[in-house]
């Protein structure tokens, strides 16, 4: 297996500066900087920290420029004795700058090209995959089922707020998938005790949770939404859960379950009880990749219409 260190060392002679564009968090970037002296600069692009000045860890420069393109990051460095030395680093606020018409024109033309390519259908479905923030729906069930199969977990749980709508029967395009799920949230596995799963699912019956502001790193929806489950059954009366079954067996409070989900829920966003987890692993893909793969499978679309929240 080729490691990151092998890849860097095999190509080191081809360049003067080794820059890593990271989609991880600040803590992970600091670990990488301390363990890989071969990396000169790490540019963070996943977390939304606006740094006043770069940070140097074990000789590696770490810098990030906030979010939403509001700041332009600038690094002035010098290569000396085969090492990169920082001269100056700053973030420049561009929100009050005059727009550049040439750049706007380039973006517009390339957007039109992108829409043309992304609008080409890659599959078709024979029924409407509707979506709802509060009620169980096949659109979110499809994502839950896809996560469980992809990550090979005993159960999957995902919130409907990570999806912005449903898909009408007929042709499905890449453009539609991106519009439905534009977030960079990653498929994620973690272990958590049954009592915390119960707490989160019970809270999901409360519309205040479903309609809560979904703000959080990587979130591109508006509301948190109802939790959806794969390989599980939740029996309830509309207000209170009476039983939860995972893989046909009753949920056990102190048993550790391996959950397929997203890094949004893993951080406790929206449903705080999920923060009580361990053994977290992140997949390199995005949630929309899961939707794209499984919406093209007829049997997965059909299965998504099977209810998991059972009213008794």
Protein backbone atom coordinates (compact mmCIF):
# COMPACT_ATOMS: atom_id res chain seq x y z
CA UNK A 1 0.00 0.00 0.00
CA UNK A 2 1.34 3.43 -0.95
CA UNK A 3 1.29 5.80 2.01
CA UNK A 4 1.16 9.59 2.02
CA UNK A 5 4.83 9.68 3.03
CA UNK A 6 5.79 7.36 0.13
CA UNK A 7 3.89 9.53 -2.34
CA UNK A 8 5.57 12.70 -1.10
CA UNK A 9 9.08 11.24 -1.07
CA UNK A 10 8.75 9.68 -4.54
CA UNK A 11 7.91 13.07 -6.05
CA UNK A 12 9.90 15.36 -3.82
CA UNK A 13 12.52 16.03 -6.48
CA UNK A 14 9.89 17.37 -8.87
CA UNK A 15 9.05 20.48 -6.89
CA UNK A 16 10.44 23.03 -4.43
CA UNK A 17 7.41 23.29 -2.15
CA UNK A 18 5.07 20.54 -0.92
CA UNK A 19 1.59 21.95 -0.23
CA UNK A 20 -1.27 19.89 1.21
CA UNK A 21 -4.82 21.11 0.54
CA UNK A 22 -6.63 19.63 3.51
CA UNK A 23 -10.33 18.82 3.94
CA UNK A 24 -9.79 17.75 7.55
CA UNK A 25 -10.14 19.69 10.79
CA UNK A 26 -7.53 21.88 12.48
CA UNK A 27 -6.62 19.18 15.01
CA UNK A 28 -5.98 16.69 12.21
CA UNK A 29 -3.91 19.22 10.26
CA UNK A 30 -1.75 19.80 13.33
CA UNK A 31 -1.19 16.05 13.70
CA UNK A 32 -0.20 15.77 10.03
CA UNK A 33 2.19 18.71 10.40
CA UNK A 34 3.88 17.12 13.41
CA UNK A 35 4.22 13.69 11.74
CA UNK A 36 5.11 14.63 8.14
CA UNK A 37 8.09 16.95 8.04
CA UNK A 38 8.08 16.52 4.25
CA UNK A 39 5.00 18.79 4.00
CA UNK A 40 5.87 22.49 3.89
CA UNK A 41 2.43 24.13 3.86
CA UNK A 42 -1.06 22.94 4.81
CA UNK A 43 -3.98 24.99 3.48
CA UNK A 44 -7.15 24.13 5.41
CA UNK A 45 -10.33 24.10 3.35
CA UNK A 46 -12.89 22.18 5.41
CA UNK A 47 -13.20 24.06 8.68
CA UNK A 48 -14.26 27.72 8.83
CA UNK A 49 -11.55 29.24 11.01
CA UNK A 50 -10.32 32.69 10.00
CA UNK A 51 -6.71 32.78 11.17
CA UNK A 52 -5.09 36.14 11.92
CA UNK A 53 -1.70 34.69 11.09
CA UNK A 54 -0.28 31.30 10.06
CA UNK A 55 0.68 28.74 12.66
CA UNK A 56 3.90 26.77 12.38
CA UNK A 57 3.99 23.19 13.67
CA UNK A 58 7.30 21.31 13.40
CA UNK A 59 8.36 23.60 10.58
CA UNK A 60 5.09 23.17 8.62
CA UNK A 61 3.03 26.28 7.93
CA UNK A 62 -0.73 25.91 8.57
CA UNK A 63 -3.12 28.55 7.27
CA UNK A 64 -6.84 28.89 6.53
CA UNK A 65 -9.03 31.78 5.42
CA UNK A 66 -12.47 31.42 6.94
CA UNK A 67 -15.48 30.65 4.76
CA UNK A 68 -17.74 31.84 1.93
CA UNK A 69 -14.86 33.41 -0.01
CA UNK A 70 -14.98 36.51 2.20
CA UNK A 71 -11.21 36.56 2.66
CA UNK A 72 -8.27 36.02 0.34
CA UNK A 73 -5.40 34.16 1.99
CA UNK A 74 -1.88 35.39 1.21
CA UNK A 75 1.36 33.59 2.05
CA UNK A 76 4.80 35.02 1.28
CA UNK A 77 7.47 32.35 1.73
CA UNK A 78 11.13 31.77 0.91
CA UNK A 79 12.80 28.49 -0.03
CA UNK A 80 16.13 28.29 1.76
CA UNK A 81 18.30 25.25 2.47
CA UNK A 82 15.56 22.95 1.09
CA UNK A 83 13.08 24.28 3.62
CA UNK A 84 10.24 26.73 3.23
CA UNK A 85 10.42 29.70 5.58
CA UNK A 86 7.50 32.01 6.28
CA UNK A 87 8.02 35.68 5.56
CA UNK A 88 4.45 36.91 5.89
CA UNK A 89 0.91 35.55 6.05
CA UNK A 90 -2.37 37.44 6.10
CA UNK A 91 -6.05 37.24 5.24
CA UNK A 92 -7.39 40.06 3.10
CA UNK A 93 -11.07 41.00 3.48
CA UNK A 94 -12.51 41.19 -0.04
CA UNK A 95 -16.17 41.74 0.87
CA UNK A 96 -15.92 45.49 0.19
CA UNK A 97 -13.86 45.14 -3.00
CA UNK A 98 -15.25 46.18 -6.37
CA UNK A 99 -16.37 43.17 -8.42
CA UNK A 100 -14.22 42.25 -11.42
CA UNK A 101 -16.44 42.03 -14.51
CA UNK A 102 -13.90 39.89 -16.38
CA UNK A 103 -13.94 37.25 -13.64
CA UNK A 104 -17.73 37.40 -13.39
CA UNK A 105 -17.95 36.78 -17.15
CA UNK A 106 -15.56 33.80 -16.93
CA UNK A 107 -17.53 32.28 -14.06
CA UNK A 108 -20.82 32.78 -15.95
CA UNK A 109 -19.54 31.08 -19.11
CA UNK A 110 -18.07 28.14 -17.23
CA UNK A 111 -21.23 27.78 -15.16
CA UNK A 112 -23.23 27.40 -18.36
CA UNK A 113 -20.80 24.73 -19.59
CA UNK A 114 -21.01 22.90 -16.26
CA UNK A 115 -24.81 22.96 -16.20
CA UNK A 116 -24.87 21.51 -19.72
CA UNK A 117 -22.68 18.56 -18.76
CA UNK A 118 -24.26 17.99 -15.34
CA UNK A 119 -27.78 17.99 -16.80
CA UNK A 120 -27.16 14.79 -18.75
CA UNK A 121 -29.17 11.90 -17.19
CA UNK A 122 -27.29 8.97 -15.66
CA UNK A 123 -30.34 6.88 -14.65
CA UNK A 124 -34.13 6.98 -14.40
CA UNK A 125 -36.61 6.00 -11.68
CA UNK A 126 -40.19 4.83 -12.07
CA UNK A 127 -41.71 6.55 -9.04
CA UNK A 128 -41.48 9.82 -7.10
CA UNK A 129 -38.93 9.80 -4.27
CA UNK A 130 -40.64 12.40 -2.11
CA UNK A 131 -38.96 14.21 0.79
CA UNK A 132 -40.22 15.70 4.05
CA UNK A 133 -38.46 17.32 7.00
CA UNK A 134 -40.74 15.95 9.72
CA UNK A 135 -42.30 12.77 8.32
CA UNK A 136 -40.51 9.60 7.29
CA UNK A 137 -39.83 9.70 3.56
CA UNK A 138 -38.25 7.43 0.91
CA UNK A 139 -35.67 10.03 -0.16
CA UNK A 140 -33.95 9.98 3.23
CA UNK A 141 -34.56 6.24 3.67
CA UNK A 142 -32.63 5.70 0.45
CA UNK A 143 -29.65 7.59 1.85
CA UNK A 144 -29.83 5.66 5.14
CA UNK A 145 -29.91 2.32 3.32
CA UNK A 146 -27.05 3.37 1.07
CA UNK A 147 -24.91 4.44 4.02
CA UNK A 148 -25.44 1.13 5.81
CA UNK A 149 -24.58 -0.93 2.73
CA UNK A 150 -21.60 1.22 1.78
CA UNK A 151 -20.05 1.27 5.23
CA UNK A 152 -21.10 -2.27 6.17
CA UNK A 153 -22.63 -1.35 9.55
CA UNK A 154 -25.39 -3.03 11.51
CA UNK A 155 -27.51 0.12 11.45
CA UNK A 156 -27.53 3.53 9.75
CA UNK A 157 -29.07 6.77 11.01
CA UNK A 158 -29.23 10.04 9.07
CA UNK A 159 -31.27 13.25 9.34
CA UNK A 160 -33.56 14.40 6.55
CA UNK A 161 -32.21 17.97 6.75
CA UNK A 162 -29.04 16.99 4.84
CA UNK A 163 -31.23 16.58 1.74
CA UNK A 164 -33.00 19.58 0.22
CA UNK A 165 -35.81 17.83 -1.62
CA UNK A 166 -37.03 14.79 -3.52
CA UNK A 167 -36.69 13.40 -7.03
CA UNK A 168 -39.56 13.16 -9.53
CA UNK A 169 -39.92 9.96 -11.51
CA UNK A 170 -38.10 9.94 -14.81
CA UNK A 171 -34.54 10.90 -15.68
CA UNK A 172 -32.06 11.75 -12.92
CA UNK A 173 -29.07 13.99 -13.58
CA UNK A 174 -25.89 14.82 -11.71
CA UNK A 175 -27.15 18.41 -11.46
CA UNK A 176 -30.20 17.21 -9.54
CA UNK A 177 -28.06 15.22 -7.08
CA UNK A 178 -25.85 18.24 -6.37
CA UNK A 179 -28.89 20.46 -5.85
CA UNK A 180 -30.39 17.91 -3.46
CA UNK A 181 -27.25 17.42 -1.40
CA UNK A 182 -24.62 20.13 -1.98
CA UNK A 183 -22.86 19.64 1.36
CA UNK A 184 -19.34 18.23 1.77
CA UNK A 185 -20.50 16.01 4.64
CA UNK A 186 -18.78 12.64 4.71
CA UNK A 187 -20.19 9.15 5.31
CA UNK A 188 -18.99 8.34 8.82
CA UNK A 189 -18.97 5.34 11.14
CA UNK A 190 -18.80 5.43 14.92
CA UNK A 191 -19.72 3.33 17.94
CA UNK A 192 -22.35 4.48 20.41
CA UNK A 193 -24.39 2.96 23.22
CA UNK A 194 -28.04 2.08 22.67
CA UNK A 195 -29.31 4.56 25.27
CA UNK A 196 -27.96 7.47 23.22
CA UNK A 197 -29.54 6.11 20.05
CA UNK A 198 -32.88 5.90 21.88
CA UNK A 199 -32.51 9.48 23.15
CA UNK A 200 -31.81 10.85 19.68
CA UNK A 201 -34.68 8.96 18.05
CA UNK A 202 -37.06 10.02 20.83
CA UNK A 203 -36.04 13.66 20.29
CA UNK A 204 -36.73 13.17 16.58
CA UNK A 205 -40.46 12.83 17.37
CA UNK A 206 -40.34 16.44 18.60
CA UNK A 207 -40.89 18.84 15.71
CA UNK A 208 -38.81 21.43 17.56
CA UNK A 209 -35.79 19.25 16.84
CA UNK A 210 -36.78 18.70 13.23
CA UNK A 211 -37.26 22.42 12.57
CA UNK A 212 -34.22 23.55 14.56
CA UNK A 213 -31.60 25.60 12.70
CA UNK A 214 -29.22 23.10 11.15
CA UNK A 215 -26.12 25.30 11.23
CA UNK A 216 -22.86 23.41 11.50
CA UNK A 217 -19.63 22.73 9.58
CA UNK A 218 -20.43 21.29 6.17
CA UNK A 219 -24.21 21.67 6.50
CA UNK A 220 -25.90 23.08 3.39
CA UNK A 221 -29.54 22.68 4.36
CA UNK A 222 -31.72 24.85 6.58
CA UNK A 223 -33.33 22.62 9.22
CA UNK A 224 -32.05 19.55 11.08
CA UNK A 225 -34.90 17.26 10.07
CA UNK A 226 -36.26 13.88 11.24
CA UNK A 227 -33.90 10.98 11.85
CA UNK A 228 -34.21 8.05 9.46
CA UNK A 229 -32.95 4.53 10.10
CA UNK A 230 -31.81 1.54 8.08
CA UNK A 231 -32.02 -2.01 9.46
CA UNK A 232 -34.11 -0.81 12.37
CA UNK A 233 -37.74 -0.46 13.43
CA UNK A 234 -39.09 2.23 15.79
CA UNK A 235 -42.50 1.63 17.35
CA UNK A 236 -44.18 4.76 18.72
CA UNK A 237 -47.53 6.44 19.40
CA UNK A 238 -46.64 9.72 17.73
CA UNK A 239 -45.18 11.25 20.87
CA UNK A 240 -43.24 8.53 22.64
CA UNK A 241 -41.22 5.53 21.49
CA UNK A 242 -42.28 2.18 22.93
CA UNK A 243 -39.71 -0.11 21.29
CA UNK A 244 -36.67 0.02 19.03
CA UNK A 245 -35.38 -2.99 17.12
CA UNK A 246 -31.97 -3.23 15.47
CA UNK A 247 -31.56 -6.11 13.04
CA UNK A 248 -34.69 -7.71 14.53
CA UNK A 249 -33.49 -7.53 18.15
CA UNK A 250 -34.55 -5.07 20.85
CA UNK A 251 -32.21 -2.17 21.44
CA UNK A 252 -30.02 -2.69 24.53
CA UNK A 253 -29.15 0.46 26.50
CA UNK A 254 -25.55 -0.39 27.37
CA UNK A 255 -24.64 -2.21 24.15
CA UNK A 256 -22.25 -0.48 21.75
CA UNK A 257 -23.61 -0.32 18.20
CA UNK A 258 -21.65 0.54 15.08
CA UNK A 259 -23.51 3.32 13.28
CA UNK A 260 -23.27 4.44 9.65
CA UNK A 261 -24.07 8.15 9.55
CA UNK A 262 -22.42 11.48 8.71
CA UNK A 263 -19.78 13.62 10.39
CA UNK A 264 -22.57 16.15 11.06
CA UNK A 265 -24.43 13.83 13.43
CA UNK A 266 -21.19 12.34 14.77
CA UNK A 267 -20.26 15.80 16.09
CA UNK A 268 -23.58 15.97 17.94
CA UNK A 269 -25.01 18.61 15.62
CA UNK A 270 -28.81 18.69 15.79
CA UNK A 271 -29.02 15.65 18.06
CA UNK A 272 -26.59 16.19 20.97
CA UNK A 273 -26.71 12.63 22.36
CA UNK A 274 -24.72 11.42 19.33
CA UNK A 275 -21.64 13.22 20.68
CA UNK A 276 -21.18 10.27 23.07
CA UNK A 277 -19.37 8.16 20.51
CA UNK A 278 -15.99 6.51 19.95
CA UNK A 279 -13.93 4.80 17.23
CA UNK A 280 -14.84 7.32 14.54
CA UNK A 281 -13.90 6.65 10.92
CA UNK A 282 -14.54 8.98 7.98
CA UNK A 283 -15.09 7.95 4.37
CA UNK A 284 -13.49 10.03 1.63
CA UNK A 285 -16.71 10.40 -0.36
CA UNK A 286 -19.69 12.69 0.18
CA UNK A 287 -23.31 11.95 1.09
CA UNK A 288 -24.38 12.90 -2.44
CA UNK A 289 -22.11 10.17 -3.82
CA UNK A 290 -24.15 7.65 -1.82
CA UNK A 291 -27.43 9.03 -3.21
CA UNK A 292 -26.05 8.96 -6.76
CA UNK A 293 -24.97 5.32 -6.48
CA UNK A 294 -28.08 3.92 -4.83
CA UNK A 295 -30.78 5.89 -6.68
CA UNK A 296 -29.60 4.07 -9.81
CA UNK A 297 -30.47 0.69 -8.24
CA UNK A 298 -34.12 -0.23 -8.71
CA UNK A 299 -34.20 -2.54 -5.68
CA UNK A 300 -32.85 0.24 -3.44
CA UNK A 301 -35.51 2.69 -4.60
CA UNK A 302 -38.21 0.11 -3.91
CA UNK A 303 -36.83 -0.68 -0.45
CA UNK A 304 -36.80 3.03 0.46
CA UNK A 305 -40.62 3.01 0.54
CA UNK A 306 -40.69 0.47 3.39
CA UNK A 307 -41.58 2.28 6.63
CA UNK A 308 -39.28 2.04 9.63
CA UNK A 309 -41.22 4.34 11.98
CA UNK A 310 -44.25 2.24 12.92
CA UNK A 311 -47.24 3.94 14.58
CA UNK A 312 -48.96 1.72 17.16
